[in-house]
Structures are given as C-alpha cells and as structure tokens.
Amino acid sequence: MAVVVFHFIVPMLVVIFCYLRIWALVLQVRWRVKPDNKPKLKPQDFRNFVTMFVVFVLFAICWAPLNFIGLLVASDPVSMAPRIPEWLFVASYYMAYFNSCLNAIIYGLLIQNFMQEYRKIYSPLPPFLSLIWSLIPRLFLPALSLHLPHLR
C-alpha cells in the first residue's frame, strides 16, 4: 500500500498542484496584458505547457488502473486478490506500459520539430502511407487550435 501511495498518489498530487499553480500564472499573465501591448506569454511557451499537460493527463489515465488495483490488493490481499479478474490486471498492466508509446505520438502531434522529423523519417514510405501520415496533423491540430488559439 505504501508503494502505491508514495510512488503514484503523492507524486500525482504534487504534479497536479504544480500544474494548477502554472495555470494560475498563465491566466494572470493573460489578464494583465492590455490590448495594445504584446503578450508577455509567448505562444510557444503556452504550447509547450499544453503538451506537457497532455502528457501528464495521459500518464495519469494510463497508470491509474494498475495502481488502483495494487491499492485494492494491498489493502486486503487475501480477500481482494482472488476478486480481481486476470484479464483486468493484464489489461491495466499493458495500458500502463502503453503510455510510453503515447508520448511519441503526442510529441509528434503537438511539437512542430518532432512533426518535421517524423515527416523526414516517413517520407520514403509508399505513397499511400505517406499520404496518410501527412493527413494526421491536419486532422488533429485544427480541432486542438479551436480550443487553444495560441496553437495557430
């Protein structure tokens, strides 16, 4: 139980606290700016914040089931361990480790340098796959920039 608390719950609470403080600072900077002045917060800084926030949220979503199961089993191993279906444990295990794969996808969608390097890597692909790869940013970024105008 202590492992889950100190290796997942406490770090999550610290990171959530930090993101809330950063977000409050971002909002303060945006509200202080007068319309005739240039914003002090650069769009790239805001985009980097959003990228790291998305990475954090996906980390929390992917690792939470495995840690929740661990917390349940740690609370009462004799009665809880047989109640957890094996498929649920295996699925949560794979979900947790799939998070590492998601980071590369998120970076490729939200960070321009990564996207350009991915294009270089995948440009020698057959034309059909290259076409699909070139459409991915066009599908995801417009929807994201509607909600986050700084991403345009």
C-alpha atoms as a PDB file:
ATOM      1  CA  MET A   1       0.000   0.000   0.000  1.00  0.00           C
ATOM      2  CA  ALA A   2       2.848   2.389   0.839  1.00  0.00           C
ATOM      3  CA  VAL A   3       4.352   1.775  -2.595  1.00  0.00           C
ATOM      4  CA  VAL A   4       1.204   2.965  -4.363  1.00  0.00           C
ATOM      5  CA  VAL A   5       0.846   5.961  -2.047  1.00  0.00           C
ATOM      6  CA  PHE A   6       4.466   7.126  -2.304  1.00  0.00           C
ATOM      7  CA  HIS A   7       5.129   6.099  -5.912  1.00  0.00           C
ATOM      8  CA  PHE A   8       1.867   7.203  -7.515  1.00  0.00           C
ATOM      9  CA  ILE A   9      -0.591   9.150  -5.355  1.00  0.00           C
ATOM     10  CA  VAL A  10       1.840  11.598  -3.712  1.00  0.00           C
ATOM     11  CA  PRO A  11       3.683  12.391  -6.977  1.00  0.00           C
ATOM     12  CA  MET A  12       0.343  12.853  -8.765  1.00  0.00           C
ATOM     13  CA  LEU A  13      -0.823  15.299  -6.100  1.00  0.00           C
ATOM     14  CA  VAL A  14       2.446  17.240  -6.322  1.00  0.00           C
ATOM     15  CA  VAL A  15       2.247  17.446 -10.122  1.00  0.00           C
ATOM     16  CA  ILE A  16      -1.428  18.466 -10.013  1.00  0.00           C
ATOM     17  CA  PHE A  17      -0.563  21.200  -7.515  1.00  0.00           C
ATOM     18  CA  CYS A  18       2.278  22.419  -9.754  1.00  0.00           C
ATOM     19  CA  TYR A  19       0.095  22.449 -12.874  1.00  0.00           C
ATOM     20  CA  LEU A  20      -2.601  24.388 -11.045  1.00  0.00           C
ATOM     21  CA  ARG A  21      -0.015  26.973  -9.968  1.00  0.00           C
ATOM     22  CA  ILE A  22       1.367  27.224 -13.519  1.00  0.00           C
ATOM     23  CA  TRP A  23      -2.123  27.547 -14.984  1.00  0.00           C
ATOM     24  CA  ALA A  24      -2.973  30.297 -12.479  1.00  0.00           C
ATOM     25  CA  LEU A  25       0.196  32.136 -13.524  1.00  0.00           C
ATOM     26  CA  VAL A  26      -0.676  31.742 -17.222  1.00  0.00           C
ATOM     27  CA  LEU A  27      -4.138  33.184 -16.611  1.00  0.00           C
ATOM     28  CA  GLN A  28      -2.709  36.066 -14.571  1.00  0.00           C
ATOM     29  CA  VAL A  29      -0.288  36.968 -17.356  1.00  0.00           C
ATOM     30  CA  ARG A  30      -3.026  36.815 -19.992  1.00  0.00           C
ATOM     31  CA  TRP A  31      -5.396  39.024 -17.941  1.00  0.00           C
ATOM     32  CA  ARG A  32      -2.723  41.624 -17.146  1.00  0.00           C
ATOM     33  CA  VAL A  33      -1.913  42.228 -20.793  1.00  0.00           C
ATOM     34  CA  LYS A  34      -3.562  45.303 -22.265  1.00  0.00           C
ATOM     35  CA  PRO A  35      -4.916  45.008 -25.832  1.00  0.00           C
ATOM     36  CA  ASP A  36      -2.326  47.469 -27.201  1.00  0.00           C
ATOM     37  CA  ASN A  37       0.627  45.644 -25.608  1.00  0.00           C
ATOM     38  CA  LYS A  38       2.268  42.486 -26.824  1.00  0.00           C
ATOM     39  CA  PRO A  39       1.521  39.465 -24.616  1.00  0.00           C
ATOM     40  CA  LYS A  40       4.330  38.539 -22.264  1.00  0.00           C
ATOM     41  CA  LEU A  41       3.490  34.873 -22.672  1.00  0.00           C
ATOM     42  CA  LYS A  42       4.814  33.522 -25.957  1.00  0.00           C
ATOM     43  CA  PRO A  43       2.558  31.158 -27.938  1.00  0.00           C
ATOM     44  CA  GLN A  44       5.367  28.582 -27.990  1.00  0.00           C
ATOM     45  CA  ASP A  45       5.550  28.648 -24.177  1.00  0.00           C
ATOM     46  CA  PHE A  46       1.822  28.093 -23.950  1.00  0.00           C
ATOM     47  CA  ARG A  47       2.023  25.275 -26.489  1.00  0.00           C
ATOM     48  CA  ASN A  48       4.807  23.601 -24.514  1.00  0.00           C
ATOM     49  CA  PHE A  49       2.697  23.859 -21.365  1.00  0.00           C
ATOM     50  CA  VAL A  50      -0.269  22.246 -23.141  1.00  0.00           C
ATOM     51  CA  THR A  51       1.956  19.464 -24.477  1.00  0.00           C
ATOM     52  CA  MET A  52       3.355  18.642 -21.042  1.00  0.00           C
ATOM     53  CA  PHE A  53      -0.129  18.815 -19.543  1.00  0.00           C
ATOM     54  CA  VAL A  54      -1.482  16.351 -22.133  1.00  0.00           C
ATOM     55  CA  VAL A  55       1.467  14.025 -21.445  1.00  0.00           C
ATOM     56  CA  PHE A  56       0.733  14.221 -17.708  1.00  0.00           C
ATOM     57  CA  VAL A  57      -3.003  13.558 -18.104  1.00  0.00           C
ATOM     58  CA  LEU A  58      -2.343  10.546 -20.335  1.00  0.00           C
ATOM     59  CA  PHE A  59       0.210   9.277 -17.821  1.00  0.00           C
ATOM     60  CA  ALA A  60      -2.367   9.544 -15.027  1.00  0.00           C
ATOM     61  CA  ILE A  61      -5.064   7.832 -17.103  1.00  0.00           C
ATOM     62  CA  CYS A  62      -2.780   5.002 -18.218  1.00  0.00           C
ATOM     63  CA  TRP A  63      -1.188   4.248 -14.846  1.00  0.00           C
ATOM     64  CA  ALA A  64      -4.192   4.811 -12.561  1.00  0.00           C
ATOM     65  CA  PRO A  65      -5.933   1.442 -13.164  1.00  0.00           C
ATOM     66  CA  LEU A  66      -2.833  -0.600 -12.331  1.00  0.00           C
ATOM     67  CA  ASN A  67      -2.169   1.466  -9.220  1.00  0.00           C
ATOM     68  CA  PHE A  68      -5.806   1.300  -8.155  1.00  0.00           C
ATOM     69  CA  ILE A  69      -5.718  -2.500  -8.438  1.00  0.00           C
ATOM     70  CA  GLY A  70      -2.459  -2.527  -6.472  1.00  0.00           C
ATOM     71  CA  LEU A  71      -4.039  -0.382  -3.772  1.00  0.00           C
ATOM     72  CA  LEU A  72      -7.073  -2.669  -3.546  1.00  0.00           C
ATOM     73  CA  VAL A  73      -4.947  -5.800  -3.294  1.00  0.00           C
ATOM     74  CA  ALA A  74      -2.584  -4.181  -0.785  1.00  0.00           C
ATOM     75  CA  SER A  75      -5.498  -3.192   1.453  1.00  0.00           C
ATOM     76  CA  ASP A  76      -6.626  -6.805   1.900  1.00  0.00           C
ATOM     77  CA  PRO A  77      -4.505  -9.290  -0.101  1.00  0.00           C
ATOM     78  CA  VAL A  78      -6.270 -12.455   0.994  1.00  0.00           C
ATOM     79  CA  SER A  79      -9.789 -11.426   0.018  1.00  0.00           C
ATOM     80  CA  MET A  80      -9.093  -8.911  -2.793  1.00  0.00           C
ATOM     81  CA  ALA A  81      -6.500 -10.781  -4.882  1.00  0.00           C
ATOM     82  CA  PRO A  82      -8.900 -13.563  -5.950  1.00  0.00           C
ATOM     83  CA  ARG A  83     -11.601 -10.992  -6.794  1.00  0.00           C
ATOM     84  CA  ILE A  84      -9.503  -9.186  -9.418  1.00  0.00           C
ATOM     85  CA  PRO A  85     -10.025 -10.879 -12.795  1.00  0.00           C
ATOM     86  CA  GLU A  86      -6.773 -11.790 -14.501  1.00  0.00           C
ATOM     87  CA  TRP A  87      -7.823 -10.066 -17.728  1.00  0.00           C
ATOM     88  CA  LEU A  88      -8.334  -6.799 -15.826  1.00  0.00           C
ATOM     89  CA  PHE A  89      -4.869  -6.976 -14.296  1.00  0.00           C
ATOM     90  CA  VAL A  90      -3.281  -7.809 -17.661  1.00  0.00           C
ATOM     91  CA  ALA A  91      -5.215  -5.028 -19.428  1.00  0.00           C
ATOM     92  CA  SER A  92      -4.222  -2.454 -16.807  1.00  0.00           C
ATOM     93  CA  TYR A  93      -0.605  -3.649 -16.996  1.00  0.00           C
ATOM     94  CA  TYR A  94      -0.480  -3.216 -20.780  1.00  0.00           C
ATOM     95  CA  MET A  95      -2.303   0.097 -20.524  1.00  0.00           C
ATOM     96  CA  ALA A  96       0.318   1.409 -18.101  1.00  0.00           C
ATOM     97  CA  TYR A  97       3.213   0.495 -20.348  1.00  0.00           C
ATOM     98  CA  PHE A  98       1.409   1.694 -23.477  1.00  0.00           C
ATOM     99  CA  ASN A  99       1.817   5.179 -22.022  1.00  0.00           C
ATOM    100  CA  SER A 100       5.419   5.214 -23.236  1.00  0.00           C
ATOM    101  CA  CYS A 101       4.205   4.761 -26.807  1.00  0.00           C
ATOM    102  CA  LEU A 102       1.679   7.572 -26.442  1.00  0.00           C
ATOM    103  CA  ASN A 103       4.356  10.122 -25.580  1.00  0.00           C
ATOM    104  CA  ALA A 104       5.946   9.830 -29.022  1.00  0.00           C
ATOM    105  CA  ILE A 105       2.543  10.283 -30.658  1.00  0.00           C
ATOM    106  CA  ILE A 106       1.675  13.319 -28.535  1.00  0.00           C
ATOM    107  CA  TYR A 107       5.056  14.937 -29.208  1.00  0.00           C
ATOM    108  CA  GLY A 108       4.610  14.283 -32.925  1.00  0.00           C
ATOM    109  CA  LEU A 109       1.179  15.899 -32.961  1.00  0.00           C
ATOM    110  CA  LEU A 110       1.869  18.903 -30.750  1.00  0.00           C
ATOM    111  CA  ILE A 111       5.548  19.815 -31.224  1.00  0.00           C
ATOM    112  CA  GLN A 112       6.461  21.173 -34.634  1.00  0.00           C
ATOM    113  CA  ASN A 113      10.102  19.954 -34.578  1.00  0.00           C
ATOM    114  CA  PHE A 114       9.006  16.388 -33.841  1.00  0.00           C
ATOM    115  CA  MET A 115       6.413  16.565 -36.605  1.00  0.00           C
ATOM    116  CA  GLN A 116       9.039  17.701 -39.134  1.00  0.00           C
ATOM    117  CA  GLU A 117      11.434  14.929 -38.127  1.00  0.00           C
ATOM    118  CA  TYR A 118       8.651  12.341 -38.344  1.00  0.00           C
ATOM    119  CA  ARG A 119       7.919  13.555 -41.866  1.00  0.00           C
ATOM    120  CA  LYS A 120      11.581  13.084 -42.806  1.00  0.00           C
ATOM    121  CA  ILE A 121      11.561   9.580 -41.387  1.00  0.00           C
ATOM    122  CA  TYR A 122       8.306   8.531 -43.031  1.00  0.00           C
ATOM    123  CA  SER A 123       8.725  10.282 -46.395  1.00  0.00           C
ATOM    124  CA  PRO A 124      10.382   7.216 -48.016  1.00  0.00           C
ATOM    125  CA  LEU A 125       7.225   5.182 -47.302  1.00  0.00           C
ATOM    126  CA  PRO A 126       4.992   4.021 -50.151  1.00  0.00           C
ATOM    127  CA  PRO A 127       2.768   6.860 -51.461  1.00  0.00           C
ATOM    128  CA  PHE A 128      -0.415   5.629 -49.759  1.00  0.00           C
ATOM    129  CA  LEU A 129       1.198   5.513 -46.300  1.00  0.00           C
ATOM    130  CA  SER A 130       2.930   8.873 -46.870  1.00  0.00           C
ATOM    131  CA  LEU A 131      -0.449  10.405 -47.725  1.00  0.00           C
ATOM    132  CA  ILE A 132      -1.998   9.047 -44.523  1.00  0.00           C
ATOM    133  CA  TRP A 133       0.963  10.304 -42.478  1.00  0.00           C
ATOM    134  CA  SER A 134       0.695  13.801 -43.995  1.00  0.00           C
ATOM    135  CA  LEU A 135      -3.027  13.978 -43.153  1.00  0.00           C
ATOM    136  CA  ILE A 136      -2.637  13.176 -39.454  1.00  0.00           C
ATOM    137  CA  PRO A 137      -1.549  16.684 -38.343  1.00  0.00           C
ATOM    138  CA  ARG A 138      -4.284  18.252 -40.477  1.00  0.00           C
ATOM    139  CA  LEU A 139      -6.890  16.137 -38.708  1.00  0.00           C
ATOM    140  CA  PHE A 140      -5.788  16.767 -35.119  1.00  0.00           C
ATOM    141  CA  LEU A 141      -4.280  20.263 -34.973  1.00  0.00           C
ATOM    142  CA  PRO A 142      -7.299  22.246 -36.272  1.00  0.00           C
ATOM    143  CA  ALA A 143      -9.541  20.737 -33.605  1.00  0.00           C
ATOM    144  CA  LEU A 144      -6.986  21.471 -30.904  1.00  0.00           C
ATOM    145  CA  SER A 145      -6.372  25.032 -32.116  1.00  0.00           C
ATOM    146  CA  LEU A 146     -10.111  25.806 -31.916  1.00  0.00           C
ATOM    147  CA  HIS A 147      -9.919  25.320 -28.169  1.00  0.00           C
ATOM    148  CA  LEU A 148      -6.417  26.729 -27.795  1.00  0.00           C
ATOM    149  CA  PRO A 149      -5.998  29.753 -30.121  1.00  0.00           C
ATOM    150  CA  HIS A 150      -2.311  30.056 -29.189  1.00  0.00           C
ATOM    151  CA  LEU A 151      -1.629  26.877 -31.175  1.00  0.00           C
ATOM    152  CA  ARG A 152      -2.384  28.500 -34.517  1.00  0.00           C
END
